[in-house]
PDB file of N, CA and C in Angstrom:
ATOM      1  N   MET A   1     -16.271   7.071  15.620  1.00  0.00           N
ATOM      2  CA  MET A   1     -16.723   6.181  14.569  1.00  0.00           C
ATOM      3  C   MET A   1     -16.489   4.745  15.009  1.00  0.00           C
ATOM      4  N   THR A   2     -17.509   3.932  15.007  1.00  0.00           N
ATOM      5  CA  THR A   2     -17.399   2.523  15.344  1.00  0.00           C
ATOM      6  C   THR A   2     -17.157   1.724  14.073  1.00  0.00           C
ATOM      7  N   VAL A   3     -16.143   0.861  14.109  1.00  0.00           N
ATOM      8  CA  VAL A   3     -15.804   0.055  12.941  1.00  0.00           C
ATOM      9  C   VAL A   3     -16.074  -1.401  13.257  1.00  0.00           C
ATOM     10  N   THR A   4     -16.851  -2.044  12.397  1.00  0.00           N
ATOM     11  CA  THR A   4     -17.083  -3.481  12.542  1.00  0.00           C
ATOM     12  C   THR A   4     -16.281  -4.199  11.473  1.00  0.00           C
ATOM     13  N   ALA A   5     -16.194  -5.521  11.559  1.00  0.00           N
ATOM     14  CA  ALA A   5     -15.401  -6.313  10.622  1.00  0.00           C
ATOM     15  C   ALA A   5     -15.903  -6.168   9.188  1.00  0.00           C
ATOM     16  N   SER A   6     -17.172  -5.848   9.001  1.00  0.00           N
ATOM     17  CA  SER A   6     -17.701  -5.750   7.647  1.00  0.00           C
ATOM     18  C   SER A   6     -17.677  -4.319   7.102  1.00  0.00           C
ATOM     19  N   THR A   7     -17.248  -3.358   7.911  1.00  0.00           N
ATOM     20  CA  THR A   7     -17.184  -1.968   7.479  1.00  0.00           C
ATOM     21  C   THR A   7     -15.897  -1.716   6.716  1.00  0.00           C
ATOM     22  N   GLU A   8     -16.032  -1.206   5.509  1.00  0.00           N
ATOM     23  CA  GLU A   8     -14.861  -0.879   4.715  1.00  0.00           C
ATOM     24  C   GLU A   8     -14.334   0.484   5.147  1.00  0.00           C
ATOM     25  N   VAL A   9     -13.034   0.581   5.363  1.00  0.00           N
ATOM     26  CA  VAL A   9     -12.388   1.817   5.762  1.00  0.00           C
ATOM     27  C   VAL A   9     -11.375   2.183   4.682  1.00  0.00           C
ATOM     28  N   THR A  10     -11.334   3.457   4.307  1.00  0.00           N
ATOM     29  CA  THR A  10     -10.371   3.908   3.314  1.00  0.00           C
ATOM     30  C   THR A  10      -9.075   4.293   4.009  1.00  0.00           C
ATOM     31  N   TYR A  11      -7.982   3.712   3.540  1.00  0.00           N
ATOM     32  CA  TYR A  11      -6.654   4.003   4.079  1.00  0.00           C
ATOM     33  C   TYR A  11      -5.835   4.734   3.026  1.00  0.00           C
ATOM     34  N   HIS A  12      -4.955   5.614   3.495  1.00  0.00           N
ATOM     35  CA  HIS A  12      -4.008   6.300   2.611  1.00  0.00           C
ATOM     36  C   HIS A  12      -2.663   5.611   2.772  1.00  0.00           C
ATOM     37  N   PHE A  13      -1.987   5.375   1.646  1.00  0.00           N
ATOM     38  CA  PHE A  13      -0.667   4.747   1.697  1.00  0.00           C
ATOM     39  C   PHE A  13       0.367   5.610   0.988  1.00  0.00           C
ATOM     40  N   VAL A  14       1.608   5.479   1.422  1.00  0.00           N
ATOM     41  CA  VAL A  14       2.773   6.033   0.731  1.00  0.00           C
ATOM     42  C   VAL A  14       3.777   4.896   0.674  1.00  0.00           C
ATOM     43  N   LEU A  15       4.296   4.621  -0.517  1.00  0.00           N
ATOM     44  CA  LEU A  15       5.245   3.524  -0.696  1.00  0.00           C
ATOM     45  C   LEU A  15       6.390   3.991  -1.576  1.00  0.00           C
ATOM     46  N   THR A  16       7.618   3.815  -1.084  1.00  0.00           N
ATOM     47  CA  THR A  16       8.818   4.114  -1.856  1.00  0.00           C
ATOM     48  C   THR A  16       9.575   2.823  -2.072  1.00  0.00           C
ATOM     49  N   LEU A  17       9.883   2.562  -3.346  1.00  0.00           N
ATOM     50  CA  LEU A  17      10.614   1.360  -3.723  1.00  0.00           C
ATOM     51  C   LEU A  17      11.957   1.732  -4.332  1.00  0.00           C
ATOM     52  N   GLN A  18      12.950   0.871  -4.124  1.00  0.00           N
ATOM     53  CA  GLN A  18      14.220   0.990  -4.828  1.00  0.00           C
ATOM     54  C   GLN A  18      14.250  -0.127  -5.863  1.00  0.00           C
ATOM     55  N   THR A  19      14.465   0.247  -7.115  1.00  0.00           N
ATOM     56  CA  THR A  19      14.440  -0.725  -8.203  1.00  0.00           C
ATOM     57  C   THR A  19      15.777  -1.454  -8.303  1.00  0.00           C
ATOM     58  N   ASP A  20      15.814  -2.467  -9.145  1.00  0.00           N
ATOM     59  CA  ASP A  20      17.030  -3.264  -9.318  1.00  0.00           C
ATOM     60  C   ASP A  20      18.213  -2.431  -9.811  1.00  0.00           C
ATOM     61  N   ASP A  21      17.930  -1.340 -10.553  1.00  0.00           N
ATOM     62  CA  ASP A  21      19.027  -0.502 -11.051  1.00  0.00           C
ATOM     63  C   ASP A  21      19.423   0.601 -10.072  1.00  0.00           C
ATOM     64  N   GLY A  22      18.792   0.619  -8.883  1.00  0.00           N
ATOM     65  CA  GLY A  22      19.157   1.574  -7.836  1.00  0.00           C
ATOM     66  C   GLY A  22      18.324   2.840  -7.808  1.00  0.00           C
ATOM     67  N   SER A  23      17.478   3.052  -8.809  1.00  0.00           N
ATOM     68  CA  SER A  23      16.625   4.239  -8.784  1.00  0.00           C
ATOM     69  C   SER A  23      15.470   4.023  -7.808  1.00  0.00           C
ATOM     70  N   THR A  24      14.801   5.099  -7.457  1.00  0.00           N
ATOM     71  CA  THR A  24      13.675   4.998  -6.531  1.00  0.00           C
ATOM     72  C   THR A  24      12.411   5.521  -7.193  1.00  0.00           C
ATOM     73  N   VAL A  25      11.298   4.999  -6.727  1.00  0.00           N
ATOM     74  CA  VAL A  25       9.988   5.440  -7.195  1.00  0.00           C
ATOM     75  C   VAL A  25       9.060   5.470  -5.981  1.00  0.00           C
ATOM     76  N   THR A  26       8.276   6.537  -5.879  1.00  0.00           N
ATOM     77  CA  THR A  26       7.338   6.699  -4.771  1.00  0.00           C
ATOM     78  C   THR A  26       5.943   6.879  -5.335  1.00  0.00           C
ATOM     79  N   ASP A  27       4.972   6.285  -4.670  1.00  0.00           N
ATOM     80  CA  ASP A  27       3.575   6.428  -5.068  1.00  0.00           C
ATOM     81  C   ASP A  27       2.739   6.577  -3.806  1.00  0.00           C
ATOM     82  N   ASP A  28       1.596   7.217  -3.945  1.00  0.00           N
ATOM     83  CA  ASP A  28       0.657   7.299  -2.835  1.00  0.00           C
ATOM     84  C   ASP A  28      -0.747   7.208  -3.393  1.00  0.00           C
ATOM     85  N   GLY A  29      -1.685   6.908  -2.517  1.00  0.00           N
ATOM     86  CA  GLY A  29      -3.072   6.805  -2.934  1.00  0.00           C
ATOM     87  C   GLY A  29      -3.918   6.293  -1.794  1.00  0.00           C
ATOM     88  N   THR A  30      -5.131   5.906  -2.119  1.00  0.00           N
ATOM     89  CA  THR A  30      -6.027   5.345  -1.119  1.00  0.00           C
ATOM     90  C   THR A  30      -6.432   3.950  -1.551  1.00  0.00           C
ATOM     91  N   ILE A  31      -6.793   3.156  -0.558  1.00  0.00           N
ATOM     92  CA  ILE A  31      -7.197   1.781  -0.802  1.00  0.00           C
ATOM     93  C   ILE A  31      -8.264   1.404   0.232  1.00  0.00           C
ATOM     94  N   PRO A  32      -9.358   0.758  -0.206  1.00  0.00           N
ATOM     95  CA  PRO A  32     -10.371   0.316   0.743  1.00  0.00           C
ATOM     96  C   PRO A  32      -9.912  -0.969   1.450  1.00  0.00           C
ATOM     97  N   VAL A  33     -10.079  -0.991   2.758  1.00  0.00           N
ATOM     98  CA  VAL A  33      -9.642  -2.133   3.566  1.00  0.00           C
ATOM     99  C   VAL A  33     -10.767  -2.524   4.515  1.00  0.00           C
ATOM    100  N   GLN A  34     -10.926  -3.826   4.717  1.00  0.00           N
ATOM    101  CA  GLN A  34     -11.890  -4.304   5.698  1.00  0.00           C
ATOM    102  C   GLN A  34     -11.120  -4.746   6.936  1.00  0.00           C
ATOM    103  N   PRO A  35     -11.186  -3.968   8.028  1.00  0.00           N
ATOM    104  CA  PRO A  35     -10.494  -4.354   9.256  1.00  0.00           C
ATOM    105  C   PRO A  35     -10.930  -5.746   9.706  1.00  0.00           C
ATOM    106  N   GLY A  36      -9.975  -6.524  10.149  1.00  0.00           N
ATOM    107  CA  GLY A  36     -10.263  -7.880  10.589  1.00  0.00           C
ATOM    108  C   GLY A  36     -10.252  -8.884   9.451  1.00  0.00           C
ATOM    109  N   THR A  37     -10.254  -8.398   8.223  1.00  0.00           N
ATOM    110  CA  THR A  37     -10.221  -9.267   7.050  1.00  0.00           C
ATOM    111  C   THR A  37      -8.879  -9.164   6.343  1.00  0.00           C
ATOM    112  N   HIS A  38      -8.408  -7.939   6.171  1.00  0.00           N
ATOM    113  CA  HIS A  38      -7.120  -7.690   5.536  1.00  0.00           C
ATOM    114  C   HIS A  38      -6.055  -7.393   6.588  1.00  0.00           C
ATOM    115  N   THR A  39      -4.839  -7.833   6.314  1.00  0.00           N
ATOM    116  CA  THR A  39      -3.728  -7.516   7.203  1.00  0.00           C
ATOM    117  C   THR A  39      -2.885  -6.405   6.575  1.00  0.00           C
ATOM    118  N   ARG A  40      -2.051  -5.791   7.386  1.00  0.00           N
ATOM    119  CA  ARG A  40      -1.137  -4.762   6.897  1.00  0.00           C
ATOM    120  C   ARG A  40      -0.223  -5.345   5.811  1.00  0.00           C
ATOM    121  N   ALA A  41       0.246  -6.566   6.017  1.00  0.00           N
ATOM    122  CA  ALA A  41       1.124  -7.220   5.037  1.00  0.00           C
ATOM    123  C   ALA A  41       0.394  -7.446   3.715  1.00  0.00           C
ATOM    124  N   GLN A  42      -0.866  -7.823   3.755  1.00  0.00           N
ATOM    125  CA  GLN A  42      -1.640  -8.025   2.531  1.00  0.00           C
ATOM    126  C   GLN A  42      -1.797  -6.715   1.759  1.00  0.00           C
ATOM    127  N   VAL A  43      -2.030  -5.631   2.481  1.00  0.00           N
ATOM    128  CA  VAL A  43      -2.164  -4.329   1.829  1.00  0.00           C
ATOM    129  C   VAL A  43      -0.837  -3.928   1.197  1.00  0.00           C
ATOM    130  N   LEU A  44       0.273  -4.086   1.920  1.00  0.00           N
ATOM    131  CA  LEU A  44       1.591  -3.775   1.365  1.00  0.00           C
ATOM    132  C   LEU A  44       1.841  -4.586   0.094  1.00  0.00           C
ATOM    133  N   ASN A  45       1.579  -5.868   0.140  1.00  0.00           N
ATOM    134  CA  ASN A  45       1.808  -6.729  -1.024  1.00  0.00           C
ATOM    135  C   ASN A  45       0.936  -6.315  -2.210  1.00  0.00           C
ATOM    136  N   ALA A  46      -0.298  -5.935  -1.960  1.00  0.00           N
ATOM    137  CA  ALA A  46      -1.191  -5.503  -3.043  1.00  0.00           C
ATOM    138  C   ALA A  46      -0.724  -4.187  -3.655  1.00  0.00           C
ATOM    139  N   VAL A  47      -0.344  -3.244  -2.810  1.00  0.00           N
ATOM    140  CA  VAL A  47       0.121  -1.947  -3.308  1.00  0.00           C
ATOM    141  C   VAL A  47       1.436  -2.121  -4.066  1.00  0.00           C
ATOM    142  N   ARG A  48       2.351  -2.914  -3.524  1.00  0.00           N
ATOM    143  CA  ARG A  48       3.642  -3.148  -4.182  1.00  0.00           C
ATOM    144  C   ARG A  48       3.442  -3.836  -5.536  1.00  0.00           C
ATOM    145  N   ALA A  49       2.572  -4.836  -5.599  1.00  0.00           N
ATOM    146  CA  ALA A  49       2.303  -5.527  -6.862  1.00  0.00           C
ATOM    147  C   ALA A  49       1.732  -4.563  -7.900  1.00  0.00           C
ATOM    148  N   GLY A  50       0.845  -3.683  -7.467  1.00  0.00           N
ATOM    149  CA  GLY A  50       0.284  -2.689  -8.372  1.00  0.00           C
ATOM    150  C   GLY A  50       1.339  -1.740  -8.905  1.00  0.00           C
ATOM    151  N   MET A  51       2.254  -1.327  -8.035  1.00  0.00           N
ATOM    152  CA  MET A  51       3.330  -0.430  -8.468  1.00  0.00           C
ATOM    153  C   MET A  51       4.272  -1.140  -9.435  1.00  0.00           C
ATOM    154  N   LEU A  52       4.612  -2.389  -9.148  1.00  0.00           N
ATOM    155  CA  LEU A  52       5.497  -3.135 -10.047  1.00  0.00           C
ATOM    156  C   LEU A  52       4.885  -3.204 -11.444  1.00  0.00           C
ATOM    157  N   GLN A  53       3.606  -3.500 -11.497  1.00  0.00           N
ATOM    158  CA  GLN A  53       2.925  -3.601 -12.790  1.00  0.00           C
ATOM    159  C   GLN A  53       2.832  -2.239 -13.468  1.00  0.00           C
ATOM    160  N   ARG A  54       2.412  -1.226 -12.719  1.00  0.00           N
ATOM    161  CA  ARG A  54       2.202   0.105 -13.288  1.00  0.00           C
ATOM    162  C   ARG A  54       3.489   0.720 -13.836  1.00  0.00           C
ATOM    163  N   PHE A  55       4.606   0.494 -13.129  1.00  0.00           N
ATOM    164  CA  PHE A  55       5.878   1.077 -13.548  1.00  0.00           C
ATOM    165  C   PHE A  55       6.741   0.103 -14.354  1.00  0.00           C
ATOM    166  N   GLY A  56       6.229  -1.097 -14.627  1.00  0.00           N
ATOM    167  CA  GLY A  56       6.952  -2.064 -15.439  1.00  0.00           C
ATOM    168  C   GLY A  56       8.215  -2.588 -14.782  1.00  0.00           C
ATOM    169  N   LEU A  57       8.178  -2.772 -13.475  1.00  0.00           N
ATOM    170  CA  LEU A  57       9.346  -3.241 -12.720  1.00  0.00           C
ATOM    171  C   LEU A  57       9.278  -4.746 -12.509  1.00  0.00           C
ATOM    172  N   THR A  58      10.444  -5.370 -12.396  1.00  0.00           N
ATOM    173  CA  THR A  58      10.474  -6.814 -12.143  1.00  0.00           C
ATOM    174  C   THR A  58      10.893  -7.138 -10.719  1.00  0.00           C
ATOM    175  N   GLY A  59      11.584  -6.233 -10.075  1.00  0.00           N
ATOM    176  CA  GLY A  59      12.023  -6.472  -8.707  1.00  0.00           C
ATOM    177  C   GLY A  59      12.243  -5.154  -7.992  1.00  0.00           C
ATOM    178  N   CYS A  60      12.223  -5.204  -6.663  1.00  0.00           N
ATOM    179  CA  CYS A  60      12.395  -3.977  -5.896  1.00  0.00           C
ATOM    180  C   CYS A  60      12.647  -4.308  -4.431  1.00  0.00           C
ATOM    181  N   SER A  61      13.087  -3.284  -3.723  1.00  0.00           N
ATOM    182  CA  SER A  61      13.191  -3.336  -2.268  1.00  0.00           C
ATOM    183  C   SER A  61      12.318  -2.223  -1.716  1.00  0.00           C
ATOM    184  N   VAL A  62      11.630  -2.496  -0.616  1.00  0.00           N
ATOM    185  CA  VAL A  62      10.793  -1.478   0.012  1.00  0.00           C
ATOM    186  C   VAL A  62      11.687  -0.605   0.891  1.00  0.00           C
ATOM    187  N   LEU A  63      11.682   0.700   0.609  1.00  0.00           N
ATOM    188  CA  LEU A  63      12.439   1.647   1.424  1.00  0.00           C
ATOM    189  C   LEU A  63      11.554   2.308   2.465  1.00  0.00           C
ATOM    190  N   PHE A  64      10.285   2.527   2.126  1.00  0.00           N
ATOM    191  CA  PHE A  64       9.374   3.212   3.042  1.00  0.00           C
ATOM    192  C   PHE A  64       7.951   2.768   2.750  1.00  0.00           C
ATOM    193  N   PHE A  65       7.164   2.535   3.814  1.00  0.00           N
ATOM    194  CA  PHE A  65       5.750   2.210   3.677  1.00  0.00           C
ATOM    195  C   PHE A  65       4.993   2.830   4.831  1.00  0.00           C
ATOM    196  N   SER A  66       3.959   3.577   4.507  1.00  0.00           N
ATOM    197  CA  SER A  66       3.095   4.171   5.515  1.00  0.00           C
ATOM    198  C   SER A  66       1.653   3.841   5.149  1.00  0.00           C
ATOM    199  N   LEU A  67       0.873   3.461   6.151  1.00  0.00           N
ATOM    200  CA  LEU A  67      -0.529   3.118   5.943  1.00  0.00           C
ATOM    201  C   LEU A  67      -1.311   3.646   7.145  1.00  0.00           C
ATOM    202  N   ALA A  68      -2.285   4.531   6.862  1.00  0.00           N
ATOM    203  CA  ALA A  68      -3.068   5.119   7.952  1.00  0.00           C
ATOM    204  C   ALA A  68      -4.481   5.387   7.450  1.00  0.00           C
ATOM    205  N   PRO A  69      -5.459   5.376   8.369  1.00  0.00           N
ATOM    206  CA  PRO A  69      -6.824   5.702   7.951  1.00  0.00           C
ATOM    207  C   PRO A  69      -6.837   7.068   7.269  1.00  0.00           C
ATOM    208  N   ASP A  70      -7.570   7.182   6.176  1.00  0.00           N
ATOM    209  CA  ASP A  70      -7.612   8.422   5.405  1.00  0.00           C
ATOM    210  C   ASP A  70      -8.448   9.488   6.076  1.00  0.00           C
ATOM    211  N   GLN A  71      -9.371   9.095   6.924  1.00  0.00           N
ATOM    212  CA  GLN A  71     -10.256  10.055   7.582  1.00  0.00           C
ATOM    213  C   GLN A  71      -9.520  10.783   8.702  1.00  0.00           C
ATOM    214  N   LEU A  72      -9.637  12.095   8.733  1.00  0.00           N
ATOM    215  CA  LEU A  72      -9.028  12.907   9.802  1.00  0.00           C
ATOM    216  C   LEU A  72      -9.976  13.073  10.955  1.00  0.00           C
TER     217      LEU A  72
END
């Protein structure tokens, strides 16, 4: 598969956060990414922000982050 800068690729992520009270929360899913446009750090920040909002968290530490193309 040839990927150009304008081709959107679906990536699968797994993210585990430790909350301010010491508990952990893990989420996974897919996210569309444009190679050459988005960076790994931007994807992490977007996924983390979504988790903070979804779980009603105000702060966290990243314990684990995995990001890989979803296509096998």
